[in-house]
Structure formats: structure tokens, C-alpha cells
Amino acid sequence: QERGEAVAMLLRQCDDNALIVGRQRVVVPNAFVIELLPEIH
């Protein structure tokens, strides 16, 4: 039931960067880069 921290931030990126381009059409980011600490990567 609980979202992971990285997933929650990805979804927040969609919500925060949504662009309204027309009636009932909202475009959100579709290209994401997650920079991880080298050890985790």
C-alpha cells in the first residue's frame, strides 16, 4: 500500500510539471533520469 520514495518522487514530477495544452488534455513528463549514488547504481 505504501509507495517507495523514488516512485513517489517520480509521480510528484508528473503532477508538478503537468502542462494543460487543451480542453481535457494535460501533458506530463515522459522522460525521467534518476541519478543514484554510484554504489547504489
Full PDB file with SEQRES, HELIX, SHEET, SSBOND, CRYST1, ORIGX, SCALE, CONECT and MASTER records, all heavy atoms in Angstrom:
SEQRES   1 A   41  GLN GLU ARG GLY GLU ALA VAL ALA MET LEU LEU ARG GLN          
SEQRES   2 A   41  CYS ASP ASP ASN ALA LEU ILE VAL GLY ARG GLN ARG VAL          
SEQRES   3 A   41  VAL VAL PRO ASN ALA PHE VAL ILE GLU LEU LEU PRO GLU          
SEQRES   4 A   41  ILE HIS                                                      
HELIX    1 AA1 GLU A    5  ASP A   16  1                                  12    
SHEET    1 AA1 2 LEU A  19  GLY A  22  0                                        
SHEET    2 AA1 2 ARG A  25  VAL A  27 -1                                        
CRYST1    1.000    1.000    1.000  90.00  90.00  90.00 P 1           1          
ORIGX1      1.000000  0.000000  0.000000        0.00000                         
ORIGX2      0.000000  1.000000  0.000000        0.00000                         
ORIGX3      0.000000  0.000000  1.000000        0.00000                         
SCALE1      1.000000  0.000000  0.000000        0.00000                         
SCALE2      0.000000  1.000000  0.000000        0.00000                         
SCALE3      0.000000  0.000000  1.000000        0.00000                         
ATOM      1  N   GLN A   1       0.810  -1.210   0.000  1.00  0.00           N  
ATOM      2  CA  GLN A   1       0.000   0.000   0.000  1.00  0.00           C  
ATOM      3  C   GLN A   1       0.848   1.267   0.000  1.00  0.00           C  
ATOM      4  O   GLN A   1       0.361   2.335  -0.285  1.00  0.00           O  
ATOM      5  CB  GLN A   1      -0.927   0.013   1.226  1.00  0.00           C  
ATOM      6  CG  GLN A   1      -1.999  -1.045   1.181  1.00  0.00           C  
ATOM      7  CD  GLN A   1      -2.946  -0.854   0.017  1.00  0.00           C  
ATOM      8  OE1 GLN A   1      -3.287   0.272  -0.349  1.00  0.00           O  
ATOM      9  NE2 GLN A   1      -3.368  -1.943  -0.595  1.00  0.00           N  
ATOM     10  N   GLU A   2       2.083   1.137   0.349  1.00  0.00           N  
ATOM     11  CA  GLU A   2       2.949   2.290   0.506  1.00  0.00           C  
ATOM     12  C   GLU A   2       3.867   2.413  -0.707  1.00  0.00           C  
ATOM     13  O   GLU A   2       4.468   1.443  -1.153  1.00  0.00           O  
ATOM     14  CB  GLU A   2       3.778   2.075   1.779  1.00  0.00           C  
ATOM     15  CG  GLU A   2       4.712   3.174   2.112  1.00  0.00           C  
ATOM     16  CD  GLU A   2       5.497   2.824   3.366  1.00  0.00           C  
ATOM     17  OE1 GLU A   2       4.910   2.276   4.306  1.00  0.00           O  
ATOM     18  OE2 GLU A   2       6.695   3.084   3.364  1.00  0.00           O  
ATOM     19  N   ARG A   3       3.962   3.604  -1.249  1.00  0.00           N  
ATOM     20  CA  ARG A   3       4.832   3.809  -2.406  1.00  0.00           C  
ATOM     21  C   ARG A   3       6.273   4.000  -1.928  1.00  0.00           C  
ATOM     22  O   ARG A   3       6.515   4.578  -0.892  1.00  0.00           O  
ATOM     23  CB  ARG A   3       4.407   5.043  -3.178  1.00  0.00           C  
ATOM     24  CG  ARG A   3       3.036   4.934  -3.785  1.00  0.00           C  
ATOM     25  CD  ARG A   3       2.833   6.074  -4.772  1.00  0.00           C  
ATOM     26  NE  ARG A   3       1.459   6.211  -5.157  1.00  0.00           N  
ATOM     27  CZ  ARG A   3       0.873   5.510  -6.115  1.00  0.00           C  
ATOM     28  NH1 ARG A   3       1.533   4.594  -6.757  1.00  0.00           N  
ATOM     29  NH2 ARG A   3      -0.385   5.726  -6.423  1.00  0.00           N  
ATOM     30  N   GLY A   4       7.215   3.520  -2.747  1.00  0.00           N  
ATOM     31  CA  GLY A   4       8.615   3.748  -2.450  1.00  0.00           C  
ATOM     32  C   GLY A   4       8.936   5.224  -2.625  1.00  0.00           C  
ATOM     33  O   GLY A   4       8.236   5.964  -3.313  1.00  0.00           O  
ATOM     34  N   GLU A   5      10.001   5.650  -2.008  1.00  0.00           N  
ATOM     35  CA  GLU A   5      10.385   7.060  -2.046  1.00  0.00           C  
ATOM     36  C   GLU A   5      10.660   7.524  -3.481  1.00  0.00           C  
ATOM     37  O   GLU A   5      10.215   8.595  -3.893  1.00  0.00           O  
ATOM     38  CB  GLU A   5      11.616   7.252  -1.166  1.00  0.00           C  
ATOM     39  CG  GLU A   5      12.005   8.681  -0.928  1.00  0.00           C  
ATOM     40  CD  GLU A   5      13.183   8.801   0.005  1.00  0.00           C  
ATOM     41  OE1 GLU A   5      13.536   7.813   0.683  1.00  0.00           O  
ATOM     42  OE2 GLU A   5      13.760   9.898   0.047  1.00  0.00           O  
ATOM     43  N   ALA A   6      11.385   6.722  -4.248  1.00  0.00           N  
ATOM     44  CA  ALA A   6      11.706   7.101  -5.624  1.00  0.00           C  
ATOM     45  C   ALA A   6      10.448   7.140  -6.488  1.00  0.00           C  
ATOM     46  O   ALA A   6      10.280   8.040  -7.311  1.00  0.00           O  
ATOM     47  CB  ALA A   6      12.728   6.138  -6.217  1.00  0.00           C  
ATOM     48  N   VAL A   7       9.549   6.176  -6.301  1.00  0.00           N  
ATOM     49  CA  VAL A   7       8.304   6.154  -7.069  1.00  0.00           C  
ATOM     50  C   VAL A   7       7.465   7.382  -6.738  1.00  0.00           C  
ATOM     51  O   VAL A   7       6.923   8.035  -7.625  1.00  0.00           O  
ATOM     52  CB  VAL A   7       7.506   4.854  -6.797  1.00  0.00           C  
ATOM     53  CG1 VAL A   7       6.136   4.911  -7.438  1.00  0.00           C  
ATOM     54  CG2 VAL A   7       8.276   3.660  -7.304  1.00  0.00           C  
ATOM     55  N   ALA A   8       7.367   7.718  -5.453  1.00  0.00           N  
ATOM     56  CA  ALA A   8       6.594   8.897  -5.045  1.00  0.00           C  
ATOM     57  C   ALA A   8       7.156  10.163  -5.687  1.00  0.00           C  
ATOM     58  O   ALA A   8       6.391  11.029  -6.135  1.00  0.00           O  
ATOM     59  CB  ALA A   8       6.589   9.021  -3.526  1.00  0.00           C  
ATOM     60  N   MET A   9       8.475  10.261  -5.780  1.00  0.00           N  
ATOM     61  CA  MET A   9       9.070  11.440  -6.410  1.00  0.00           C  
ATOM     62  C   MET A   9       8.823  11.457  -7.916  1.00  0.00           C  
ATOM     63  O   MET A   9       8.621  12.527  -8.494  1.00  0.00           O  
ATOM     64  CB  MET A   9      10.550  11.532  -6.095  1.00  0.00           C  
ATOM     65  CG  MET A   9      10.804  11.961  -4.664  1.00  0.00           C  
ATOM     66  SD  MET A   9      12.518  12.316  -4.318  1.00  0.00           S  
ATOM     67  CE  MET A   9      12.769  13.821  -5.250  1.00  0.00           C  
ATOM     68  N   LEU A  10       8.835  10.300  -8.565  1.00  0.00           N  
ATOM     69  CA  LEU A  10       8.514  10.244  -9.996  1.00  0.00           C  
ATOM     70  C   LEU A  10       7.095  10.750 -10.240  1.00  0.00           C  
ATOM     71  O   LEU A  10       6.856  11.552 -11.154  1.00  0.00           O  
ATOM     72  CB  LEU A  10       8.625   8.816 -10.525  1.00  0.00           C  
ATOM     73  CG  LEU A  10       9.989   8.312 -10.926  1.00  0.00           C  
ATOM     74  CD1 LEU A  10       9.923   6.830 -11.253  1.00  0.00           C  
ATOM     75  CD2 LEU A  10      10.542   9.093 -12.082  1.00  0.00           C  
ATOM     76  N   LEU A  11       6.158  10.288  -9.431  1.00  0.00           N  
ATOM     77  CA  LEU A  11       4.760  10.698  -9.601  1.00  0.00           C  
ATOM     78  C   LEU A  11       4.591  12.178  -9.291  1.00  0.00           C  
ATOM     79  O   LEU A  11       3.815  12.868  -9.955  1.00  0.00           O  
ATOM     80  CB  LEU A  11       3.853   9.846  -8.725  1.00  0.00           C  
ATOM     81  CG  LEU A  11       3.967   8.326  -8.927  1.00  0.00           C  
ATOM     82  CD1 LEU A  11       2.952   7.594  -8.065  1.00  0.00           C  
ATOM     83  CD2 LEU A  11       3.840   7.947 -10.377  1.00  0.00           C  
ATOM     84  N   ARG A  12       5.332  12.676  -8.317  1.00  0.00           N  
ATOM     85  CA  ARG A  12       5.285  14.104  -8.000  1.00  0.00           C  
ATOM     86  C   ARG A  12       5.829  14.930  -9.172  1.00  0.00           C  
ATOM     87  O   ARG A  12       5.336  16.025  -9.446  1.00  0.00           O  
ATOM     88  CB  ARG A  12       6.073  14.387  -6.722  1.00  0.00           C  
ATOM     89  CG  ARG A  12       5.762  15.750  -6.149  1.00  0.00           C  
ATOM     90  CD  ARG A  12       6.384  16.004  -4.778  1.00  0.00           C  
ATOM     91  NE  ARG A  12       6.388  14.840  -3.928  1.00  0.00           N  
ATOM     92  CZ  ARG A  12       7.498  14.319  -3.367  1.00  0.00           C  
ATOM     93  NH1 ARG A  12       8.683  14.876  -3.574  1.00  0.00           N  
ATOM     94  NH2 ARG A  12       7.435  13.260  -2.599  1.00  0.00           N  
ATOM     95  N   GLN A  13       6.842  14.407  -9.876  1.00  0.00           N  
ATOM     96  CA  GLN A  13       7.364  15.100 -11.056  1.00  0.00           C  
ATOM     97  C   GLN A  13       6.258  15.257 -12.102  1.00  0.00           C  
ATOM     98  O   GLN A  13       6.149  16.298 -12.738  1.00  0.00           O  
ATOM     99  CB  GLN A  13       8.537  14.327 -11.668  1.00  0.00           C  
ATOM    100  CG  GLN A  13       9.821  14.414 -10.897  1.00  0.00           C  
ATOM    101  CD  GLN A  13      10.532  15.716 -11.118  1.00  0.00           C  
ATOM    102  OE1 GLN A  13      10.498  16.291 -12.204  1.00  0.00           O  
ATOM    103  NE2 GLN A  13      11.173  16.207 -10.079  1.00  0.00           N  
ATOM    104  N   CYS A  14       5.451  14.220 -12.274  1.00  0.00           N  
ATOM    105  CA  CYS A  14       4.327  14.306 -13.217  1.00  0.00           C  
ATOM    106  C   CYS A  14       3.346  15.384 -12.774  1.00  0.00           C  
ATOM    107  O   CYS A  14       2.948  16.240 -13.569  1.00  0.00           O  
ATOM    108  CB  CYS A  14       3.591  12.970 -13.312  1.00  0.00           C  
ATOM    109  SG  CYS A  14       4.469  11.710 -14.211  1.00  0.00           S  
ATOM    110  N   ASP A  15       2.947  15.341 -11.510  1.00  0.00           N  
ATOM    111  CA  ASP A  15       1.952  16.286 -11.004  1.00  0.00           C  
ATOM    112  C   ASP A  15       2.465  17.726 -11.047  1.00  0.00           C  
ATOM    113  O   ASP A  15       1.745  18.641 -11.444  1.00  0.00           O  
ATOM    114  CB  ASP A  15       1.554  15.924  -9.571  1.00  0.00           C  
ATOM    115  CG  ASP A  15       0.858  14.579  -9.481  1.00  0.00           C  
ATOM    116  OD1 ASP A  15       0.268  14.145 -10.496  1.00  0.00           O  
ATOM    117  OD2 ASP A  15       0.904  13.964  -8.400  1.00  0.00           O  
ATOM    118  N   ASP A  16       3.711  17.941 -10.644  1.00  0.00           N  
ATOM    119  CA  ASP A  16       4.262  19.290 -10.559  1.00  0.00           C  
ATOM    120  C   ASP A  16       4.570  19.902 -11.923  1.00  0.00           C  
ATOM    121  O   ASP A  16       4.616  21.119 -12.062  1.00  0.00           O  
ATOM    122  CB  ASP A  16       5.531  19.301  -9.710  1.00  0.00           C  
ATOM    123  CG  ASP A  16       5.261  19.002  -8.245  1.00  0.00           C  
ATOM    124  OD1 ASP A  16       4.084  19.031  -7.831  1.00  0.00           O  
ATOM    125  OD2 ASP A  16       6.237  18.741  -7.509  1.00  0.00           O  
ATOM    126  N   ASN A  17       4.820  19.080 -12.926  1.00  0.00           N  
ATOM    127  CA  ASN A  17       5.222  19.590 -14.246  1.00  0.00           C  
ATOM    128  C   ASN A  17       4.166  19.355 -15.319  1.00  0.00           C  
ATOM    129  O   ASN A  17       4.482  19.325 -16.509  1.00  0.00           O  
ATOM    130  CB  ASN A  17       6.547  18.950 -14.665  1.00  0.00           C  
ATOM    131  CG  ASN A  17       7.664  19.325 -13.728  1.00  0.00           C  
ATOM    132  OD1 ASN A  17       7.924  20.491 -13.502  1.00  0.00           O  
ATOM    133  ND2 ASN A  17       8.306  18.330 -13.139  1.00  0.00           N  
ATOM    134  N   ALA A  18       2.922  19.191 -14.915  1.00  0.00           N  
ATOM    135  CA  ALA A  18       1.832  18.970 -15.872  1.00  0.00           C  
ATOM    136  C   ALA A  18       1.561  20.246 -16.662  1.00  0.00           C  
ATOM    137  O   ALA A  18       1.561  21.338 -16.104  1.00  0.00           O  
ATOM    138  CB  ALA A  18       0.574  18.526 -15.133  1.00  0.00           C  
ATOM    139  N   LEU A  19       1.353  20.093 -17.954  1.00  0.00           N  
ATOM    140  CA  LEU A  19       1.027  21.221 -18.839  1.00  0.00           C  
ATOM    141  C   LEU A  19      -0.368  21.023 -19.419  1.00  0.00           C  
ATOM    142  O   LEU A  19      -0.646  19.991 -20.015  1.00  0.00           O  
ATOM    143  CB  LEU A  19       2.023  21.319 -19.994  1.00  0.00           C  
ATOM    144  CG  LEU A  19       3.451  21.697 -19.658  1.00  0.00           C  
ATOM    145  CD1 LEU A  19       4.320  21.584 -20.897  1.00  0.00           C  
ATOM    146  CD2 LEU A  19       3.497  23.110 -19.120  1.00  0.00           C  
ATOM    147  N   ILE A  20      -1.208  22.023 -19.254  1.00  0.00           N  
ATOM    148  CA  ILE A  20      -2.539  21.963 -19.849  1.00  0.00           C  
ATOM    149  C   ILE A  20      -2.402  22.501 -21.268  1.00  0.00           C  
ATOM    150  O   ILE A  20      -2.081  23.660 -21.479  1.00  0.00           O  
ATOM    151  CB  ILE A  20      -3.540  22.801 -19.041  1.00  0.00           C  
ATOM    152  CG1 ILE A  20      -3.629  22.264 -17.619  1.00  0.00           C  
ATOM    153  CG2 ILE A  20      -4.902  22.802 -19.718  1.00  0.00           C  
ATOM    154  CD1 ILE A  20      -4.424  23.130 -16.680  1.00  0.00           C  
ATOM    155  N   VAL A  21      -2.645  21.628 -22.248  1.00  0.00           N  
ATOM    156  CA  VAL A  21      -2.473  22.029 -23.643  1.00  0.00           C  
ATOM    157  C   VAL A  21      -3.794  22.140 -24.388  1.00  0.00           C  
ATOM    158  O   VAL A  21      -3.812  22.541 -25.535  1.00  0.00           O  
ATOM    159  CB  VAL A  21      -1.520  21.067 -24.398  1.00  0.00           C  
ATOM    160  CG1 VAL A  21      -0.127  21.163 -23.852  1.00  0.00           C  
ATOM    161  CG2 VAL A  21      -2.031  19.647 -24.358  1.00  0.00           C  
ATOM    162  N   GLY A  22      -4.862  21.798 -23.748  1.00  0.00           N  
ATOM    163  CA  GLY A  22      -6.174  21.903 -24.385  1.00  0.00           C  
ATOM    164  C   GLY A  22      -7.243  21.421 -23.439  1.00  0.00           C  
ATOM    165  O   GLY A  22      -6.971  20.973 -22.324  1.00  0.00           O  
ATOM    166  N   ARG A  23      -8.458  21.544 -23.898  1.00  0.00           N  
ATOM    167  CA  ARG A  23      -9.574  21.098 -23.077  1.00  0.00           C  
ATOM    168  C   ARG A  23      -9.432  19.601 -22.798  1.00  0.00           C  
ATOM    169  O   ARG A  23      -9.348  18.793 -23.715  1.00  0.00           O  
ATOM    170  CB  ARG A  23     -10.875  21.377 -23.807  1.00  0.00           C  
ATOM    171  CG  ARG A  23     -12.084  20.896 -23.056  1.00  0.00           C  
ATOM    172  CD  ARG A  23     -13.319  21.379 -23.697  1.00  0.00           C  
ATOM    173  NE  ARG A  23     -13.799  22.441 -22.812  1.00  0.00           N  
ATOM    174  CZ  ARG A  23     -14.791  23.238 -23.079  1.00  0.00           C  
ATOM    175  NH1 ARG A  23     -15.393  23.159 -24.236  1.00  0.00           N  
ATOM    176  NH2 ARG A  23     -15.178  24.135 -22.226  1.00  0.00           N  
ATOM    177  N   GLN A  24      -9.373  19.263 -21.549  1.00  0.00           N  
ATOM    178  CA  GLN A  24      -9.251  17.892 -21.077  1.00  0.00           C  
ATOM    179  C   GLN A  24      -8.006  17.183 -21.606  1.00  0.00           C  
ATOM    180  O   GLN A  24      -8.009  15.969 -21.802  1.00  0.00           O  
ATOM    181  CB  GLN A  24     -10.506  17.086 -21.407  1.00  0.00           C  
ATOM    182  CG  GLN A  24     -11.741  17.611 -20.727  1.00  0.00           C  
ATOM    183  CD  GLN A  24     -12.949  16.746 -21.014  1.00  0.00           C  
ATOM    184  OE1 GLN A  24     -12.907  15.843 -21.829  1.00  0.00           O  
ATOM    185  NE2 GLN A  24     -14.042  17.036 -20.335  1.00  0.00           N  
ATOM    186  N   ARG A  25      -6.953  17.940 -21.851  1.00  0.00           N  
ATOM    187  CA  ARG A  25      -5.685  17.320 -22.264  1.00  0.00           C  
ATOM    188  C   ARG A  25      -4.557  17.938 -21.446  1.00  0.00           C  
ATOM    189  O   ARG A  25      -4.242  19.117 -21.596  1.00  0.00           O  
ATOM    190  CB  ARG A  25      -5.420  17.533 -23.749  1.00  0.00           C  
ATOM    191  CG  ARG A  25      -4.123  16.836 -24.152  1.00  0.00           C  
ATOM    192  CD  ARG A  25      -4.085  16.450 -25.601  1.00  0.00           C  
ATOM    193  NE  ARG A  25      -2.888  15.676 -25.855  1.00  0.00           N  
ATOM    194  CZ  ARG A  25      -2.011  15.973 -26.788  1.00  0.00           C  
ATOM    195  NH1 ARG A  25      -2.209  16.982 -27.579  1.00  0.00           N  
ATOM    196  NH2 ARG A  25      -0.951  15.233 -26.944  1.00  0.00           N  
ATOM    197  N   VAL A  26      -3.996  17.123 -20.588  1.00  0.00           N  
ATOM    198  CA  VAL A  26      -2.887  17.534 -19.732  1.00  0.00           C  
ATOM    199  C   VAL A  26      -1.702  16.630 -20.063  1.00  0.00           C  
ATOM    200  O   VAL A  26      -1.784  15.414 -19.956  1.00  0.00           O  
ATOM    201  CB  VAL A  26      -3.258  17.414 -18.239  1.00  0.00           C  
ATOM    202  CG1 VAL A  26      -2.085  17.820 -17.364  1.00  0.00           C  
ATOM    203  CG2 VAL A  26      -4.489  18.250 -17.922  1.00  0.00           C  
ATOM    204  N   VAL A  27      -0.608  17.250 -20.498  1.00  0.00           N  
ATOM    205  CA  VAL A  27       0.595  16.507 -20.863  1.00  0.00           C  
ATOM    206  C   VAL A  27       1.582  16.576 -19.703  1.00  0.00           C  
ATOM    207  O   VAL A  27       1.798  17.640 -19.122  1.00  0.00           O  
ATOM    208  CB  VAL A  27       1.232  17.084 -22.146  1.00  0.00           C  
ATOM    209  CG1 VAL A  27       2.517  16.346 -22.494  1.00  0.00           C  
ATOM    210  CG2 VAL A  27       0.251  17.000 -23.311  1.00  0.00           C  
ATOM    211  N   VAL A  28       2.158  15.430 -19.378  1.00  0.00           N  
ATOM    212  CA  VAL A  28       3.125  15.351 -18.289  1.00  0.00           C  
ATOM    213  C   VAL A  28       4.448  14.819 -18.815  1.00  0.00           C  
ATOM    214  O   VAL A  28       4.508  14.253 -19.911  1.00  0.00           O  
ATOM    215  CB  VAL A  28       2.597  14.456 -17.141  1.00  0.00           C  
ATOM    216  CG1 VAL A  28       1.388  15.078 -16.483  1.00  0.00           C  
ATOM    217  CG2 VAL A  28       2.273  13.067 -17.629  1.00  0.00           C  
ATOM    218  N   PRO A  29       5.520  14.999 -18.040  1.00  0.00           N  
ATOM    219  CA  PRO A  29       6.823  14.489 -18.489  1.00  0.00           C  
ATOM    220  C   PRO A  29       6.773  12.988 -18.761  1.00  0.00           C  
ATOM    221  O   PRO A  29       6.051  12.245 -18.092  1.00  0.00           O  
ATOM    222  CB  PRO A  29       7.742  14.788 -17.299  1.00  0.00           C  
ATOM    223  CG  PRO A  29       7.099  15.920 -16.589  1.00  0.00           C  
ATOM    224  CD  PRO A  29       5.629  15.710 -16.759  1.00  0.00           C  
ATOM    225  N   ASN A  30       7.543  12.599 -19.759  1.00  0.00           N  
ATOM    226  CA  ASN A  30       7.605  11.187 -20.106  1.00  0.00           C  
ATOM    227  C   ASN A  30       9.033  10.649 -20.126  1.00  0.00           C  
ATOM    228  O   ASN A  30       9.237   9.461 -20.300  1.00  0.00           O  
ATOM    229  CB  ASN A  30       6.940  10.936 -21.470  1.00  0.00           C  
ATOM    230  CG  ASN A  30       7.625  11.678 -22.583  1.00  0.00           C  
ATOM    231  OD1 ASN A  30       8.022  12.826 -22.413  1.00  0.00           O  
ATOM    232  ND2 ASN A  30       7.747  11.046 -23.737  1.00  0.00           N  
ATOM    233  N   ALA A  31      10.014  11.511 -19.940  1.00  0.00           N  
ATOM    234  CA  ALA A  31      11.412  11.080 -19.912  1.00  0.00           C  
ATOM    235  C   ALA A  31      11.994  11.445 -18.550  1.00  0.00           C  
ATOM    236  O   ALA A  31      12.022  12.618 -18.177  1.00  0.00           O  
ATOM    237  CB  ALA A  31      12.207  11.748 -21.029  1.00  0.00           C  
ATOM    238  N   PHE A  32      12.416  10.441 -17.819  1.00  0.00           N  
ATOM    239  CA  PHE A  32      12.930  10.641 -16.470  1.00  0.00           C  
ATOM    240  C   PHE A  32      14.343  10.099 -16.370  1.00  0.00           C  
ATOM    241  O   PHE A  32      14.644   9.037 -16.908  1.00  0.00           O  
ATOM    242  CB  PHE A  32      12.054   9.905 -15.441  1.00  0.00           C  
ATOM    243  CG  PHE A  32      10.618  10.342 -15.456  1.00  0.00           C  
ATOM    244  CD1 PHE A  32       9.695   9.706 -16.273  1.00  0.00           C  
ATOM    245  CD2 PHE A  32      10.190  11.381 -14.666  1.00  0.00           C  
ATOM    246  CE1 PHE A  32       8.373  10.091 -16.294  1.00  0.00           C  
ATOM    247  CE2 PHE A  32       8.862  11.785 -14.680  1.00  0.00           C  
ATOM    248  CZ  PHE A  32       7.955  11.135 -15.495  1.00  0.00           C  
ATOM    249  N   VAL A  33      15.197  10.838 -15.671  1.00  0.00           N  
ATOM    250  CA  VAL A  33      16.545  10.378 -15.360  1.00  0.00           C  
ATOM    251  C   VAL A  33      16.660  10.378 -13.840  1.00  0.00           C  
ATOM    252  O   VAL A  33      16.420  11.398 -13.195  1.00  0.00           O  
ATOM    253  CB  VAL A  33      17.617  11.300 -15.975  1.00  0.00           C  
ATOM    254  CG1 VAL A  33      19.009  10.872 -15.519  1.00  0.00           C  
ATOM    255  CG2 VAL A  33      17.526  11.306 -17.486  1.00  0.00           C  
ATOM    256  N   ILE A  34      16.997   9.224 -13.287  1.00  0.00           N  
ATOM    257  CA  ILE A  34      17.210   9.114 -11.849  1.00  0.00           C  
ATOM    258  C   ILE A  34      18.704   8.945 -11.635  1.00  0.00           C  
ATOM    259  O   ILE A  34      19.297   7.951 -12.063  1.00  0.00           O  
ATOM    260  CB  ILE A  34      16.443   7.920 -11.249  1.00  0.00           C  
ATOM    261  CG1 ILE A  34      14.958   8.048 -11.543  1.00  0.00           C  
ATOM    262  CG2 ILE A  34      16.708   7.833  -9.744  1.00  0.00           C  
ATOM    263  CD1 ILE A  34      14.130   6.877 -11.062  1.00  0.00           C  
ATOM    264  N   GLU A  35      19.306   9.964 -11.008  1.00  0.00           N  
ATOM    265  CA  GLU A  35      20.728   9.898 -10.684  1.00  0.00           C  
ATOM    266  C   GLU A  35      20.869   9.284  -9.301  1.00  0.00           C  
ATOM    267  O   GLU A  35      20.339   9.802  -8.320  1.00  0.00           O  
ATOM    268  CB  GLU A  35      21.352  11.293 -10.703  1.00  0.00           C  
ATOM    269  CG  GLU A  35      21.406  11.909 -12.068  1.00  0.00           C  
ATOM    270  CD  GLU A  35      22.051  13.283 -12.062  1.00  0.00           C  
ATOM    271  OE1 GLU A  35      22.237  13.868 -10.973  1.00  0.00           O  
ATOM    272  OE2 GLU A  35      22.361  13.776 -13.148  1.00  0.00           O  
ATOM    273  N   LEU A  36      21.559   8.162  -9.237  1.00  0.00           N  
ATOM    274  CA  LEU A  36      21.769   7.429  -7.988  1.00  0.00           C  
ATOM    275  C   LEU A  36      23.214   7.555  -7.549  1.00  0.00           C  
ATOM    276  O   LEU A  36      24.108   7.764  -8.381  1.00  0.00           O  
ATOM    277  CB  LEU A  36      21.439   5.953  -8.182  1.00  0.00           C  
ATOM    278  CG  LEU A  36      20.025   5.611  -8.619  1.00  0.00           C  
ATOM    279  CD1 LEU A  36      19.968   4.190  -9.142  1.00  0.00           C  
ATOM    280  CD2 LEU A  36      19.075   5.787  -7.464  1.00  0.00           C  
ATOM    281  N   LEU A  37      23.445   7.410  -6.250  1.00  0.00           N  
ATOM    282  CA  LEU A  37      24.823   7.325  -5.792  1.00  0.00           C  
ATOM    283  C   LEU A  37      25.497   6.184  -6.545  1.00  0.00           C  
ATOM    284  O   LEU A  37      24.865   5.161  -6.831  1.00  0.00           O  
ATOM    285  CB  LEU A  37      24.873   7.065  -4.289  1.00  0.00           C  
ATOM    286  CG  LEU A  37      24.469   8.233  -3.399  1.00  0.00           C  
ATOM    287  CD1 LEU A  37      24.446   7.805  -1.941  1.00  0.00           C  
ATOM    288  CD2 LEU A  37      25.408   9.410  -3.581  1.00  0.00           C  
ATOM    289  N   PRO A  38      26.765   6.338  -6.897  1.00  0.00           N  
ATOM    290  CA  PRO A  38      27.428   5.309  -7.707  1.00  0.00           C  
ATOM    291  C   PRO A  38      27.343   3.905  -7.116  1.00  0.00           C  
ATOM    292  O   PRO A  38      27.174   2.932  -7.851  1.00  0.00           O  
ATOM    293  CB  PRO A  38      28.882   5.793  -7.774  1.00  0.00           C  
ATOM    294  CG  PRO A  38      28.775   7.280  -7.624  1.00  0.00           C  
ATOM    295  CD  PRO A  38      27.627   7.508  -6.687  1.00  0.00           C  
ATOM    296  N   GLU A  39      27.407   3.782  -5.778  1.00  0.00           N  
ATOM    297  CA  GLU A  39      27.335   2.458  -5.166  1.00  0.00           C  
ATOM    298  C   GLU A  39      25.959   1.834  -5.408  1.00  0.00           C  
ATOM    299  O   GLU A  39      25.850   0.646  -5.729  1.00  0.00           O  
ATOM    300  CB  GLU A  39      27.568   2.529  -3.652  1.00  0.00           C  
ATOM    301  CG  GLU A  39      28.836   3.244  -3.234  1.00  0.00           C  
ATOM    302  CD  GLU A  39      28.650   4.758  -3.119  1.00  0.00           C  
ATOM    303  OE1 GLU A  39      27.690   5.227  -2.490  1.00  0.00           O  
ATOM    304  OE2 GLU A  39      29.497   5.471  -3.674  1.00  0.00           O  
ATOM    305  N   ILE A  40      24.905   2.627  -5.235  1.00  0.00           N  
ATOM    306  CA  ILE A  40      23.548   2.115  -5.426  1.00  0.00           C  
ATOM    307  C   ILE A  40      23.322   1.768  -6.894  1.00  0.00           C  
ATOM    308  O   ILE A  40      22.735   0.735  -7.219  1.00  0.00           O  
ATOM    309  CB  ILE A  40      22.503   3.131  -4.925  1.00  0.00           C  
ATOM    310  CG1 ILE A  40      22.629   3.308  -3.415  1.00  0.00           C  
ATOM    311  CG2 ILE A  40      21.093   2.696  -5.297  1.00  0.00           C  
ATOM    312  CD1 ILE A  40      21.752   4.399  -2.842  1.00  0.00           C  
ATOM    313  N   HIS A  41      23.800   2.619  -7.796  1.00  0.00           N  
ATOM    314  CA  HIS A  41      23.659   2.347  -9.228  1.00  0.00           C  
ATOM    315  C   HIS A  41      24.359   1.039  -9.590  1.00  0.00           C  
ATOM    316  O   HIS A  41      23.813   0.218 -10.339  1.00  0.00           O  
ATOM    317  CB  HIS A  41      24.221   3.504 -10.052  1.00  0.00           C  
ATOM    318  CG  HIS A  41      24.071   3.291 -11.517  1.00  0.00           C  
ATOM    319  ND1 HIS A  41      25.075   2.736 -12.284  1.00  0.00           N  
ATOM    320  CD2 HIS A  41      23.030   3.527 -12.356  1.00  0.00           C  
ATOM    321  CE1 HIS A  41      24.660   2.642 -13.534  1.00  0.00           C  
ATOM    322  NE2 HIS A  41      23.434   3.109 -13.606  1.00  0.00           N  
TER     323      HIS A  41                                                      
MASTER        0    0    0    1    2    0    0    6  322    1    0    4          
END                                                                             
